[in-house]
Each structure stands twice: as C-alpha cells, then as structure tokens.
Amino acid sequence: MIQQATFLFISGAEIAFILFIAIMVFGADKLPEIARGLGKGMRTLKDATNDIKYEITKTADKHGIDTDITKDVKKELDKVKDDIEGFTGSVKRKF
C-alpha cells in the first residue's frame, strides 16, 4: 500500500492544479505580490492573537485568577503521552 503525502488533505496533483489555475488567472508577475500580501495579513493576525492572549493573561493575573491550570493540564497530558508511548514501544518491539 503506497501512501501519498498530503497537505491539509490535498494531494500534490491537486496543489499543482491550483497553482496552475492561480498562474493563469493572476499571471506570474502578480503571484509574488499576492503571496506577500497574504503573508503580511497572516502576520498581522498572529500579532493580534498574541496581543489578545497577553491582555487576557495580564487581566487574569491582575484579578488574581489562576492561569497556571493550563500548565498543570499540559503536564498531566505529557505524563499520559509518555505512558502511552512506553506501552506502544513495548508492543512495537514484539512485532
């Protein structure tokens, strides 16, 4: 059984087809400008998301709300993940 690499459930052939259509519609000279604009937009969105996270954390700390619960949950999830990896590692070794 051969598996093809996919990105967001899109195969390589589909990505190539989408790129071909984009080049046909916008032209090869406009694609870098479009990609730059999308990159700037994604960066702005990421910065805004980080600012919102910072403000929420700052407000929670100011009002005495415990924000360490996420760290505790992450620590517990890591323990469970390690336990599962330890179990599956022994199962994999048997095969």
C-alpha atoms as a PDB file:
ATOM      1  CA  MET A   1       0.000   0.000   0.000  1.00  0.00           C
ATOM      2  CA  ILE A   2       1.517   3.322  -1.070  1.00  0.00           C
ATOM      3  CA  GLN A   3       0.622   6.476   0.818  1.00  0.00           C
ATOM      4  CA  GLN A   4       0.909   9.851  -0.831  1.00  0.00           C
ATOM      5  CA  ALA A   5       1.984  12.879   1.142  1.00  0.00           C
ATOM      6  CA  THR A   6      -0.896  15.277   1.609  1.00  0.00           C
ATOM      7  CA  PHE A   7      -1.087  18.800   2.917  1.00  0.00           C
ATOM      8  CA  LEU A   8      -4.423  19.672   4.519  1.00  0.00           C
ATOM      9  CA  PHE A   9      -5.960  16.636   2.810  1.00  0.00           C
ATOM     10  CA  ILE A  10      -4.925  17.926  -0.615  1.00  0.00           C
ATOM     11  CA  SER A  11      -2.689  15.757  -2.770  1.00  0.00           C
ATOM     12  CA  GLY A  12       0.314  17.012  -4.693  1.00  0.00           C
ATOM     13  CA  ALA A  13      -1.520  16.859  -8.005  1.00  0.00           C
ATOM     14  CA  GLU A  14      -4.355  18.986  -6.631  1.00  0.00           C
ATOM     15  CA  ILE A  15      -1.897  21.572  -5.292  1.00  0.00           C
ATOM     16  CA  ALA A  16      -0.183  21.714  -8.688  1.00  0.00           C
ATOM     17  CA  PHE A  17      -3.554  22.181 -10.391  1.00  0.00           C
ATOM     18  CA  ILE A  18      -4.496  25.001  -8.018  1.00  0.00           C
ATOM     19  CA  LEU A  19      -1.135  26.710  -8.641  1.00  0.00           C
ATOM     20  CA  PHE A  20      -1.637  26.340 -12.400  1.00  0.00           C
ATOM     21  CA  ILE A  21      -5.072  27.958 -12.198  1.00  0.00           C
ATOM     22  CA  ALA A  22      -3.689  30.767  -9.990  1.00  0.00           C
ATOM     23  CA  ILE A  23      -0.931  31.473 -12.526  1.00  0.00           C
ATOM     24  CA  MET A  24      -3.464  31.500 -15.349  1.00  0.00           C
ATOM     25  CA  VAL A  25      -5.836  33.856 -13.535  1.00  0.00           C
ATOM     26  CA  PHE A  26      -3.412  36.286 -11.889  1.00  0.00           C
ATOM     27  CA  GLY A  27      -0.289  35.916 -14.003  1.00  0.00           C
ATOM     28  CA  ALA A  28       3.212  35.001 -12.904  1.00  0.00           C
ATOM     29  CA  ASP A  29       4.171  38.609 -12.156  1.00  0.00           C
ATOM     30  CA  LYS A  30       1.294  39.187  -9.693  1.00  0.00           C
ATOM     31  CA  LEU A  31       1.672  35.983  -7.640  1.00  0.00           C
ATOM     32  CA  PRO A  32       4.625  37.249  -5.524  1.00  0.00           C
ATOM     33  CA  GLU A  33       2.651  40.393  -4.639  1.00  0.00           C
ATOM     34  CA  ILE A  34      -0.365  38.307  -3.666  1.00  0.00           C
ATOM     35  CA  ALA A  35       1.787  35.952  -1.579  1.00  0.00           C
ATOM     36  CA  ARG A  36       3.453  38.929   0.150  1.00  0.00           C
ATOM     37  CA  GLY A  37       0.056  40.415   0.957  1.00  0.00           C
ATOM     38  CA  LEU A  38      -1.190  37.108   2.356  1.00  0.00           C
ATOM     39  CA  GLY A  39       1.980  36.789   4.449  1.00  0.00           C
ATOM     40  CA  LYS A  40       1.541  40.289   5.880  1.00  0.00           C
ATOM     41  CA  GLY A  41      -2.099  39.542   6.645  1.00  0.00           C
ATOM     42  CA  MET A  42      -1.222  36.304   8.419  1.00  0.00           C
ATOM     43  CA  ARG A  43       1.486  38.101  10.413  1.00  0.00           C
ATOM     44  CA  THR A  44      -0.983  40.813  11.449  1.00  0.00           C
ATOM     45  CA  LEU A  45      -3.478  38.159  12.527  1.00  0.00           C
ATOM     46  CA  LYS A  46      -0.809  36.332  14.548  1.00  0.00           C
ATOM     47  CA  ASP A  47       0.296  39.569  16.238  1.00  0.00           C
ATOM     48  CA  ALA A  48      -3.303  40.442  17.101  1.00  0.00           C
ATOM     49  CA  THR A  49      -3.856  36.959  18.545  1.00  0.00           C
ATOM     50  CA  ASN A  50      -0.716  37.262  20.682  1.00  0.00           C
ATOM     51  CA  ASP A  51      -1.816  40.711  21.899  1.00  0.00           C
ATOM     52  CA  ILE A  52      -5.207  39.323  22.908  1.00  0.00           C
ATOM     53  CA  LYS A  53      -3.578  36.414  24.749  1.00  0.00           C
ATOM     54  CA  TYR A  54      -1.242  38.821  26.549  1.00  0.00           C
ATOM     55  CA  GLU A  55      -4.113  41.103  27.603  1.00  0.00           C
ATOM     56  CA  ILE A  56      -6.186  38.181  28.873  1.00  0.00           C
ATOM     57  CA  THR A  57      -3.244  36.814  30.857  1.00  0.00           C
ATOM     58  CA  LYS A  58      -2.397  40.250  32.250  1.00  0.00           C
ATOM     59  CA  THR A  59      -6.005  40.880  33.299  1.00  0.00           C
ATOM     60  CA  ALA A  60      -6.301  37.424  34.864  1.00  0.00           C
ATOM     61  CA  ASP A  61      -3.100  37.967  36.857  1.00  0.00           C
ATOM     62  CA  LYS A  62      -4.287  41.411  37.942  1.00  0.00           C
ATOM     63  CA  HIS A  63      -7.548  39.989  39.277  1.00  0.00           C
ATOM     64  CA  GLY A  64      -5.879  37.013  40.942  1.00  0.00           C
ATOM     65  CA  ILE A  65      -7.218  34.362  38.590  1.00  0.00           C
ATOM     66  CA  ASP A  66      -5.033  31.267  38.436  1.00  0.00           C
ATOM     67  CA  THR A  67      -3.652  30.888  34.908  1.00  0.00           C
ATOM     68  CA  ASP A  68      -1.332  28.012  35.812  1.00  0.00           C
ATOM     69  CA  ILE A  69      -4.094  25.464  35.257  1.00  0.00           C
ATOM     70  CA  THR A  70      -3.090  25.147  31.614  1.00  0.00           C
ATOM     71  CA  LYS A  71       0.446  24.273  32.678  1.00  0.00           C
ATOM     72  CA  ASP A  72      -0.910  21.634  35.053  1.00  0.00           C
ATOM     73  CA  VAL A  73      -3.131  20.149  32.353  1.00  0.00           C
ATOM     74  CA  LYS A  74      -0.223  20.121  29.886  1.00  0.00           C
ATOM     75  CA  LYS A  75       1.962  18.376  32.467  1.00  0.00           C
ATOM     76  CA  GLU A  76      -0.684  15.687  33.017  1.00  0.00           C
ATOM     77  CA  LEU A  77      -1.166  15.224  29.273  1.00  0.00           C
ATOM     78  CA  ASP A  78       2.588  14.812  28.839  1.00  0.00           C
ATOM     79  CA  LYS A  79       2.588  12.116  31.546  1.00  0.00           C
ATOM     80  CA  VAL A  80      -0.222  10.235  29.807  1.00  0.00           C
ATOM     81  CA  LYS A  81       1.531  10.620  26.456  1.00  0.00           C
ATOM     82  CA  ASP A  82       4.757   9.211  27.912  1.00  0.00           C
ATOM     83  CA  ASP A  83       2.852   6.285  29.434  1.00  0.00           C
ATOM     84  CA  ILE A  84       1.175   5.524  26.117  1.00  0.00           C
ATOM     85  CA  GLU A  85       4.462   5.794  24.232  1.00  0.00           C
ATOM     86  CA  GLY A  86       6.063   3.452  26.757  1.00  0.00           C
ATOM     87  CA  PHE A  87       3.270   0.916  26.278  1.00  0.00           C
ATOM     88  CA  THR A  88       3.225   1.144  22.490  1.00  0.00           C
ATOM     89  CA  GLY A  89       7.021   0.968  22.411  1.00  0.00           C
ATOM     90  CA  SER A  90       6.905  -2.453  24.079  1.00  0.00           C
ATOM     91  CA  VAL A  91       4.168  -3.568  21.692  1.00  0.00           C
ATOM     92  CA  LYS A  92       6.155  -2.361  18.675  1.00  0.00           C
ATOM     93  CA  ARG A  93       9.244  -4.227  19.852  1.00  0.00           C
ATOM     94  CA  LYS A  94       7.308  -7.503  19.951  1.00  0.00           C
ATOM     95  CA  PHE A  95       6.438  -7.214  16.264  1.00  0.00           C
END
